[in-house]
Amino acid sequence: RAVQQFAGAALLAARGNGTSILVGDSKFDSNAADTASAGALYTLLGEEACGALVDLIMVRNHAAVSGGAGVLDVRSGGSILLRNLSAEYNHVRSGDGGAIQIQVQTNGSASITECSFTDNI
């Protein structure tokens, strides 16, 4: 349980050109950010960084502020790929993104493919 600003399970950050994050074949279940954002996973991609979340299950996570299962924060020129992600029964008390909140800045990109979102509030 997180009582800080971000992430019930993990905060991942890649900062700068050539840096990357890959999270694959994982399950995030019943994590909580009781006073924060990102019930399970907060991913920050700095300028020109890239990331991929592949083959994930995110279920029964909750956050107080935003992103019941996670927050993806993509800065200028960064990119994120979500592929084969299943998000079910995640919850956010206030704010946006019952399952996932994605924030993309100028020249950044987010690609979502083969994902399912079910009963997120």
N, C-alpha and C. Protein backbone atom coordinates (compact mmCIF):
# COMPACT_ATOMS: atom_id res chain seq x y z
N ARG A 1 0.84 -1.18 0.00
CA ARG A 1 0.00 0.00 0.00
C ARG A 1 0.88 1.25 0.00
N ALA A 2 0.61 2.12 -0.95
CA ALA A 2 1.41 3.34 -1.07
C ALA A 2 0.76 4.47 -0.29
N VAL A 3 1.55 5.19 0.46
CA VAL A 3 1.07 6.39 1.13
C VAL A 3 1.79 7.62 0.60
N GLN A 4 2.67 7.42 -0.35
CA GLN A 4 3.39 8.52 -0.97
C GLN A 4 2.63 9.01 -2.21
N GLN A 5 3.31 9.71 -3.08
CA GLN A 5 2.65 10.33 -4.22
C GLN A 5 2.25 9.35 -5.31
N PHE A 6 3.02 8.30 -5.56
CA PHE A 6 2.75 7.41 -6.69
C PHE A 6 2.97 5.94 -6.36
N ALA A 7 2.18 5.08 -6.96
CA ALA A 7 2.42 3.65 -7.15
C ALA A 7 2.30 2.75 -5.93
N GLY A 8 1.32 1.85 -6.01
CA GLY A 8 1.14 0.85 -4.97
C GLY A 8 2.16 -0.28 -5.06
N ALA A 9 2.57 -0.66 -6.27
CA ALA A 9 3.51 -1.78 -6.43
C ALA A 9 4.89 -1.32 -6.91
N ALA A 10 4.95 -0.52 -7.98
CA ALA A 10 6.27 -0.16 -8.54
C ALA A 10 6.22 1.17 -9.26
N LEU A 11 7.30 1.94 -9.11
CA LEU A 11 7.50 3.16 -9.88
C LEU A 11 8.71 2.92 -10.77
N LEU A 12 8.51 3.03 -12.07
CA LEU A 12 9.58 2.81 -13.04
C LEU A 12 9.85 4.10 -13.80
N ALA A 13 11.11 4.46 -13.96
CA ALA A 13 11.45 5.69 -14.68
C ALA A 13 12.61 5.46 -15.63
N ALA A 14 12.44 5.93 -16.86
CA ALA A 14 13.52 5.95 -17.85
C ALA A 14 13.66 7.41 -18.27
N ARG A 15 14.84 7.95 -18.12
CA ARG A 15 15.02 9.37 -18.37
C ARG A 15 16.10 9.59 -19.41
N GLY A 16 15.68 10.08 -20.58
CA GLY A 16 16.65 10.47 -21.58
C GLY A 16 16.75 9.55 -22.78
N ASN A 17 17.30 10.10 -23.84
CA ASN A 17 17.44 9.42 -25.11
C ASN A 17 18.19 8.10 -24.94
N GLY A 18 17.61 7.04 -25.49
CA GLY A 18 18.24 5.73 -25.44
C GLY A 18 17.88 4.89 -24.23
N THR A 19 17.12 5.45 -23.29
CA THR A 19 16.71 4.66 -22.13
C THR A 19 15.37 4.00 -22.41
N SER A 20 15.14 2.86 -21.75
CA SER A 20 13.89 2.14 -22.00
C SER A 20 13.46 1.32 -20.80
N ILE A 21 12.17 0.98 -20.79
CA ILE A 21 11.58 0.12 -19.77
C ILE A 21 10.77 -0.95 -20.48
N LEU A 22 10.91 -2.19 -20.03
CA LEU A 22 10.09 -3.28 -20.53
C LEU A 22 9.54 -4.04 -19.34
N VAL A 23 8.21 -4.16 -19.28
CA VAL A 23 7.56 -4.99 -18.28
C VAL A 23 6.75 -6.01 -19.06
N GLY A 24 7.02 -7.29 -18.82
CA GLY A 24 6.33 -8.32 -19.58
C GLY A 24 5.98 -9.53 -18.75
N ASP A 25 4.94 -10.23 -19.21
CA ASP A 25 4.52 -11.49 -18.62
C ASP A 25 4.38 -11.39 -17.11
N SER A 26 3.59 -10.41 -16.65
CA SER A 26 3.46 -10.13 -15.22
C SER A 26 2.01 -9.92 -14.83
N LYS A 27 1.75 -10.08 -13.52
CA LYS A 27 0.41 -9.85 -12.98
C LYS A 27 0.51 -8.92 -11.79
N PHE A 28 -0.33 -7.87 -11.80
CA PHE A 28 -0.44 -6.94 -10.69
C PHE A 28 -1.84 -7.10 -10.12
N ASP A 29 -1.95 -7.63 -8.91
CA ASP A 29 -3.23 -8.01 -8.32
C ASP A 29 -3.36 -7.41 -6.92
N SER A 30 -4.43 -6.64 -6.71
CA SER A 30 -4.81 -6.12 -5.39
C SER A 30 -3.79 -5.19 -4.77
N ASN A 31 -3.15 -4.36 -5.58
CA ASN A 31 -2.26 -3.31 -5.07
C ASN A 31 -3.07 -2.06 -4.81
N ALA A 32 -2.55 -1.17 -3.95
CA ALA A 32 -3.30 0.03 -3.61
C ALA A 32 -2.39 1.22 -3.38
N ALA A 33 -2.87 2.37 -3.85
CA ALA A 33 -2.26 3.67 -3.55
C ALA A 33 -3.35 4.46 -2.83
N ASP A 34 -3.40 4.32 -1.51
CA ASP A 34 -4.52 4.82 -0.72
C ASP A 34 -4.67 6.34 -0.73
N THR A 35 -3.58 7.07 -0.92
CA THR A 35 -3.66 8.53 -0.95
C THR A 35 -2.98 9.08 -2.20
N ALA A 36 -2.77 8.22 -3.19
CA ALA A 36 -1.93 8.60 -4.33
C ALA A 36 -2.52 8.11 -5.65
N SER A 37 -1.76 8.29 -6.72
CA SER A 37 -2.10 7.81 -8.06
C SER A 37 -1.39 6.49 -8.33
N ALA A 38 -1.91 5.73 -9.30
CA ALA A 38 -1.30 4.49 -9.79
C ALA A 38 -1.38 3.38 -8.74
N GLY A 39 -2.52 2.71 -8.72
CA GLY A 39 -2.72 1.62 -7.77
C GLY A 39 -1.62 0.58 -7.82
N ALA A 40 -1.15 0.23 -9.00
CA ALA A 40 -0.10 -0.79 -9.12
C ALA A 40 1.20 -0.21 -9.69
N LEU A 41 1.13 0.40 -10.86
CA LEU A 41 2.34 0.71 -11.63
C LEU A 41 2.33 2.16 -12.12
N TYR A 42 3.37 2.91 -11.77
CA TYR A 42 3.57 4.25 -12.32
C TYR A 42 4.79 4.18 -13.22
N THR A 43 4.61 4.53 -14.49
CA THR A 43 5.71 4.49 -15.46
C THR A 43 5.96 5.88 -16.00
N LEU A 44 7.15 6.40 -15.78
CA LEU A 44 7.55 7.72 -16.27
C LEU A 44 8.60 7.53 -17.35
N LEU A 45 8.29 8.04 -18.54
CA LEU A 45 9.24 8.00 -19.65
C LEU A 45 9.66 9.42 -19.96
N GLY A 46 10.91 9.74 -19.69
CA GLY A 46 11.43 11.07 -19.93
C GLY A 46 11.60 11.36 -21.41
N GLU A 47 12.15 12.52 -21.72
CA GLU A 47 12.31 12.93 -23.11
C GLU A 47 13.08 11.87 -23.90
N GLU A 48 12.49 11.45 -25.03
CA GLU A 48 13.08 10.50 -25.97
C GLU A 48 13.23 9.08 -25.42
N ALA A 49 12.67 8.78 -24.26
CA ALA A 49 12.72 7.42 -23.71
C ALA A 49 11.57 6.59 -24.27
N CYS A 50 11.70 5.28 -24.20
CA CYS A 50 10.61 4.43 -24.69
C CYS A 50 10.32 3.32 -23.68
N GLY A 51 9.10 2.81 -23.77
CA GLY A 51 8.70 1.75 -22.86
C GLY A 51 7.68 0.83 -23.50
N ALA A 52 7.59 -0.38 -22.94
CA ALA A 52 6.60 -1.35 -23.42
C ALA A 52 6.06 -2.14 -22.23
N LEU A 53 4.75 -2.27 -22.19
CA LEU A 53 4.07 -3.11 -21.22
C LEU A 53 3.38 -4.20 -22.04
N VAL A 54 3.86 -5.43 -21.92
CA VAL A 54 3.45 -6.51 -22.81
C VAL A 54 3.04 -7.73 -21.99
N ASP A 55 1.90 -8.33 -22.36
CA ASP A 55 1.41 -9.55 -21.71
C ASP A 55 1.24 -9.35 -20.20
N LEU A 56 0.43 -8.35 -19.84
CA LEU A 56 0.19 -8.05 -18.43
C LEU A 56 -1.26 -8.31 -18.04
N ILE A 57 -1.45 -8.68 -16.79
CA ILE A 57 -2.77 -8.75 -16.17
C ILE A 57 -2.76 -7.78 -15.01
N MET A 58 -3.72 -6.86 -14.99
CA MET A 58 -3.85 -5.89 -13.91
C MET A 58 -5.27 -6.01 -13.38
N VAL A 59 -5.41 -6.53 -12.16
CA VAL A 59 -6.74 -6.85 -11.63
C VAL A 59 -6.87 -6.43 -10.16
N ARG A 60 -8.01 -5.83 -9.83
CA ARG A 60 -8.38 -5.44 -8.47
C ARG A 60 -7.39 -4.48 -7.81
N ASN A 61 -6.81 -3.58 -8.57
CA ASN A 61 -5.95 -2.54 -8.02
C ASN A 61 -6.79 -1.29 -7.79
N HIS A 62 -6.37 -0.45 -6.84
CA HIS A 62 -7.11 0.80 -6.68
C HIS A 62 -6.20 1.94 -6.24
N ALA A 63 -6.64 3.15 -6.65
CA ALA A 63 -5.89 4.37 -6.33
C ALA A 63 -6.86 5.44 -5.86
N ALA A 64 -6.36 6.36 -5.07
CA ALA A 64 -7.19 7.45 -4.57
C ALA A 64 -7.38 8.54 -5.61
N VAL A 65 -6.34 8.87 -6.37
CA VAL A 65 -6.35 10.08 -7.20
C VAL A 65 -6.60 9.79 -8.67
N SER A 66 -5.81 8.96 -9.32
CA SER A 66 -6.00 8.64 -10.74
C SER A 66 -5.27 7.34 -11.06
N GLY A 67 -5.71 6.70 -12.15
CA GLY A 67 -5.06 5.47 -12.59
C GLY A 67 -5.21 4.32 -11.61
N GLY A 68 -6.40 3.71 -11.60
CA GLY A 68 -6.66 2.61 -10.67
C GLY A 68 -5.60 1.53 -10.72
N ALA A 69 -5.22 1.10 -11.91
CA ALA A 69 -4.15 0.11 -12.07
C ALA A 69 -2.81 0.77 -12.34
N GLY A 70 -2.82 1.90 -13.07
CA GLY A 70 -1.54 2.52 -13.37
C GLY A 70 -1.64 3.87 -14.04
N VAL A 71 -0.53 4.58 -14.00
CA VAL A 71 -0.37 5.86 -14.69
C VAL A 71 0.84 5.72 -15.61
N LEU A 72 0.65 6.13 -16.87
CA LEU A 72 1.73 6.15 -17.84
C LEU A 72 1.98 7.61 -18.20
N ASP A 73 3.12 8.12 -17.84
CA ASP A 73 3.48 9.53 -18.03
C ASP A 73 4.59 9.60 -19.07
N VAL A 74 4.22 9.99 -20.30
CA VAL A 74 5.15 10.00 -21.43
C VAL A 74 5.52 11.45 -21.75
N ARG A 75 6.77 11.79 -21.56
CA ARG A 75 7.23 13.15 -21.79
C ARG A 75 7.56 13.38 -23.26
N SER A 76 7.95 14.59 -23.61
CA SER A 76 8.20 15.00 -24.98
C SER A 76 9.12 14.04 -25.73
N GLY A 77 8.63 13.53 -26.86
CA GLY A 77 9.42 12.64 -27.68
C GLY A 77 9.46 11.20 -27.21
N GLY A 78 8.87 10.91 -26.07
CA GLY A 78 8.85 9.54 -25.55
C GLY A 78 7.77 8.70 -26.21
N SER A 79 7.84 7.39 -26.01
CA SER A 79 6.81 6.51 -26.57
C SER A 79 6.54 5.33 -25.65
N ILE A 80 5.29 4.89 -25.65
CA ILE A 80 4.89 3.74 -24.85
C ILE A 80 4.03 2.82 -25.71
N LEU A 81 4.23 1.52 -25.54
CA LEU A 81 3.43 0.50 -26.21
C LEU A 81 2.77 -0.37 -25.15
N LEU A 82 1.46 -0.52 -25.25
CA LEU A 82 0.72 -1.48 -24.44
C LEU A 82 0.21 -2.55 -25.38
N ARG A 83 0.61 -3.80 -25.13
CA ARG A 83 0.16 -4.89 -25.99
C ARG A 83 -0.24 -6.09 -25.13
N ASN A 84 -1.41 -6.61 -25.43
CA ASN A 84 -1.94 -7.78 -24.73
C ASN A 84 -2.01 -7.55 -23.22
N LEU A 85 -2.62 -6.43 -22.85
CA LEU A 85 -2.83 -6.09 -21.46
C LEU A 85 -4.29 -6.33 -21.12
N SER A 86 -4.55 -6.97 -20.00
CA SER A 86 -5.91 -7.19 -19.52
C SER A 86 -6.07 -6.45 -18.20
N ALA A 87 -7.00 -5.48 -18.16
CA ALA A 87 -7.27 -4.71 -16.96
C ALA A 87 -8.72 -4.95 -16.53
N GLU A 88 -8.89 -5.53 -15.33
CA GLU A 88 -10.22 -5.87 -14.85
C GLU A 88 -10.40 -5.46 -13.39
N TYR A 89 -11.56 -4.91 -13.09
CA TYR A 89 -11.99 -4.61 -11.71
C TYR A 89 -11.04 -3.66 -10.98
N ASN A 90 -10.44 -2.74 -11.70
CA ASN A 90 -9.62 -1.71 -11.08
C ASN A 90 -10.51 -0.51 -10.76
N HIS A 91 -10.08 0.30 -9.79
CA HIS A 91 -10.95 1.37 -9.31
C HIS A 91 -10.12 2.59 -8.93
N VAL A 92 -10.66 3.76 -9.24
CA VAL A 92 -10.07 5.01 -8.78
C VAL A 92 -11.14 5.78 -8.01
N ARG A 93 -10.79 6.29 -6.84
CA ARG A 93 -11.76 6.97 -5.98
C ARG A 93 -12.17 8.32 -6.57
N SER A 94 -11.21 9.09 -7.06
CA SER A 94 -11.52 10.37 -7.71
C SER A 94 -10.52 10.55 -8.85
N GLY A 95 -10.85 11.40 -9.79
CA GLY A 95 -9.93 11.62 -10.90
C GLY A 95 -10.24 10.75 -12.09
N ASP A 96 -9.23 10.54 -12.92
CA ASP A 96 -9.42 9.87 -14.21
C ASP A 96 -8.74 8.50 -14.23
N GLY A 97 -9.22 7.68 -15.14
CA GLY A 97 -8.57 6.41 -15.43
C GLY A 97 -8.86 5.30 -14.43
N GLY A 98 -10.06 4.74 -14.50
CA GLY A 98 -10.38 3.61 -13.64
C GLY A 98 -9.37 2.49 -13.78
N ALA A 99 -8.94 2.24 -15.01
CA ALA A 99 -7.90 1.23 -15.26
C ALA A 99 -6.54 1.91 -15.37
N ILE A 100 -6.37 2.73 -16.40
CA ILE A 100 -5.07 3.35 -16.67
C ILE A 100 -5.27 4.80 -17.10
N GLN A 101 -4.45 5.68 -16.57
CA GLN A 101 -4.42 7.06 -17.04
C GLN A 101 -3.14 7.22 -17.87
N ILE A 102 -3.31 7.71 -19.10
CA ILE A 102 -2.16 7.93 -19.98
C ILE A 102 -2.03 9.42 -20.26
N GLN A 103 -0.86 9.97 -19.99
CA GLN A 103 -0.56 11.38 -20.24
C GLN A 103 0.60 11.43 -21.23
N VAL A 104 0.38 12.07 -22.37
CA VAL A 104 1.42 12.14 -23.41
C VAL A 104 1.68 13.60 -23.74
N GLN A 105 2.93 14.03 -23.65
CA GLN A 105 3.30 15.40 -23.98
C GLN A 105 3.65 15.53 -25.46
N THR A 106 3.98 16.74 -25.87
CA THR A 106 4.28 17.07 -27.26
C THR A 106 5.27 16.09 -27.88
N ASN A 107 4.94 15.64 -29.08
CA ASN A 107 5.77 14.72 -29.86
C ASN A 107 5.95 13.34 -29.21
N GLY A 108 5.19 13.06 -28.17
CA GLY A 108 5.20 11.74 -27.57
C GLY A 108 4.15 10.86 -28.23
N SER A 109 4.17 9.57 -27.93
CA SER A 109 3.17 8.68 -28.52
C SER A 109 2.82 7.54 -27.57
N ALA A 110 1.58 7.07 -27.72
CA ALA A 110 1.10 5.90 -26.99
C ALA A 110 0.38 5.00 -27.97
N SER A 111 0.70 3.72 -27.95
CA SER A 111 0.06 2.75 -28.83
C SER A 111 -0.55 1.65 -27.96
N ILE A 112 -1.84 1.38 -28.19
CA ILE A 112 -2.55 0.36 -27.43
C ILE A 112 -3.08 -0.66 -28.43
N THR A 113 -2.68 -1.93 -28.27
CA THR A 113 -3.12 -2.96 -29.20
C THR A 113 -3.38 -4.27 -28.47
N GLU A 114 -4.43 -4.97 -28.89
CA GLU A 114 -4.79 -6.27 -28.33
C GLU A 114 -4.97 -6.21 -26.82
N CYS A 115 -5.61 -5.15 -26.31
CA CYS A 115 -5.84 -4.98 -24.88
C CYS A 115 -7.32 -5.09 -24.56
N SER A 116 -7.64 -5.48 -23.34
CA SER A 116 -9.03 -5.52 -22.91
C SER A 116 -9.18 -4.81 -21.57
N PHE A 117 -10.27 -4.06 -21.45
CA PHE A 117 -10.58 -3.29 -20.25
C PHE A 117 -12.00 -3.66 -19.83
N THR A 118 -12.16 -4.26 -18.64
CA THR A 118 -13.44 -4.77 -18.21
C THR A 118 -13.75 -4.35 -16.78
N ASP A 119 -14.92 -3.75 -16.58
CA ASP A 119 -15.44 -3.41 -15.24
C ASP A 119 -14.46 -2.59 -14.40
N ASN A 120 -13.84 -1.60 -15.00
CA ASN A 120 -13.00 -0.65 -14.28
C ASN A 120 -13.84 0.58 -13.99
N ILE A 121 -13.65 1.14 -12.81
CA ILE A 121 -14.47 2.29 -12.40
C ILE A 121 -13.56 3.45 -12.01
